[in-house]
Protein backbone atom coordinates (compact mmCIF):
# COMPACT_ATOMS: atom_id res chain seq x y z
CA MET A 1 0.20 -10.33 -7.87
CA LEU A 2 2.18 -7.04 -6.00
CA HIS A 3 2.18 -5.10 -9.61
CA ALA A 4 -1.34 -5.72 -9.58
CA ARG A 5 -2.00 -4.71 -5.44
CA ARG A 6 -0.24 -1.75 -6.41
CA GLU A 7 -2.12 -0.95 -9.50
CA LEU A 8 -5.71 -1.28 -7.61
CA ALA A 9 -4.85 0.88 -5.07
CA THR A 10 -2.79 3.53 -6.60
CA LEU A 11 -5.53 3.65 -9.11
CA GLU A 12 -8.88 2.85 -7.55
CA GLY A 13 -7.53 3.61 -4.34
CA ILE A 14 -8.87 -0.57 -3.53
CA PHE A 15 -6.60 -2.44 -0.71
CA ALA A 16 -6.56 -6.00 -2.29
CA SER A 17 -6.60 -9.96 -1.13
CA PRO A 18 -4.29 -11.68 -3.28
CA GLU A 19 -7.27 -13.39 -5.46
CA GLY A 20 -8.22 -10.16 -5.97
CA ALA A 21 -5.61 -8.68 -8.01
CA ALA A 22 -4.97 -11.97 -8.99
CA THR A 23 -9.13 -11.32 -11.14
CA VAL A 24 -7.14 -8.14 -12.73
CA ILE A 25 -4.14 -10.18 -14.09
CA ALA A 26 -6.48 -12.81 -15.53
CA ALA A 27 -8.37 -10.23 -17.05
CA ARG A 28 -5.41 -9.02 -18.84
CA LYS A 29 -4.64 -12.78 -20.18
CA LEU A 30 -8.13 -13.05 -21.21
CA ALA A 31 -7.97 -9.95 -22.90
CA ALA A 32 -4.81 -10.61 -24.68
CA ALA A 33 -6.33 -13.84 -25.74
CA GLY A 34 -9.16 -12.59 -27.45
CA TRP A 35 -11.97 -14.38 -25.20
CA ILE A 36 -12.41 -10.31 -23.46
CA LYS A 37 -13.03 -8.12 -26.98
CA PRO A 38 -13.00 -4.29 -26.15
CA GLU A 39 -16.42 -3.66 -26.34
CA GLU A 40 -17.19 -6.06 -23.56
CA THR A 41 -17.99 -4.60 -20.05
CA VAL A 42 -15.89 -7.28 -17.44
CA VAL A 43 -16.80 -6.97 -13.61
CA LEU A 44 -14.11 -8.38 -11.41
CA PHE A 45 -14.72 -8.64 -7.55
CA ASN A 46 -12.50 -8.14 -4.64
CA THR A 47 -13.97 -10.18 -1.84
CA GLY A 48 -11.53 -10.12 0.64
CA THR A 49 -8.94 -7.10 1.59
CA GLY A 50 -5.63 -7.16 1.76
CA TYR A 51 -5.39 -6.26 5.48
CA LYS A 52 -6.74 -10.09 5.72
CA TYR A 53 -2.98 -10.61 4.49
CA ALA A 54 -1.15 -7.80 5.43
CA GLU A 55 1.97 -9.33 6.60
CA ALA A 56 2.22 -11.43 3.79
CA TRP A 57 2.22 -8.36 1.81
CA GLN A 58 4.44 -7.06 3.53
CA ARG A 59 7.02 -9.80 3.63
CA ALA A 60 6.61 -9.47 -0.01
CA LEU A 61 7.60 -5.92 -0.63
CA GLN A 62 10.00 -6.54 1.57
CA SER A 63 11.62 -8.95 -0.71
CA PRO A 64 13.96 -9.43 -3.38
CA SER A 65 11.26 -10.27 -5.85
CA GLY A 66 8.49 -7.80 -4.58
CA GLY A 67 10.34 -4.49 -6.04
CA ALA A 68 10.18 -5.74 -9.47
CA ALA A 69 7.00 -6.67 -9.51
């Protein structure tokens, strides 16, 4: 989720909540499995803000595994 959150922040300017970042991961897995077809349009909803989880994001990014995500 950290990688997805970084991507959303870098590419889209969205400071996503963890559940918002999880939608990116889920969509990628569904596309890889063929559930989402290349010609289909998919809308992902991020209903929260990363600011609610700023402390958790900070801890995750400071952990040894946080840099590798």
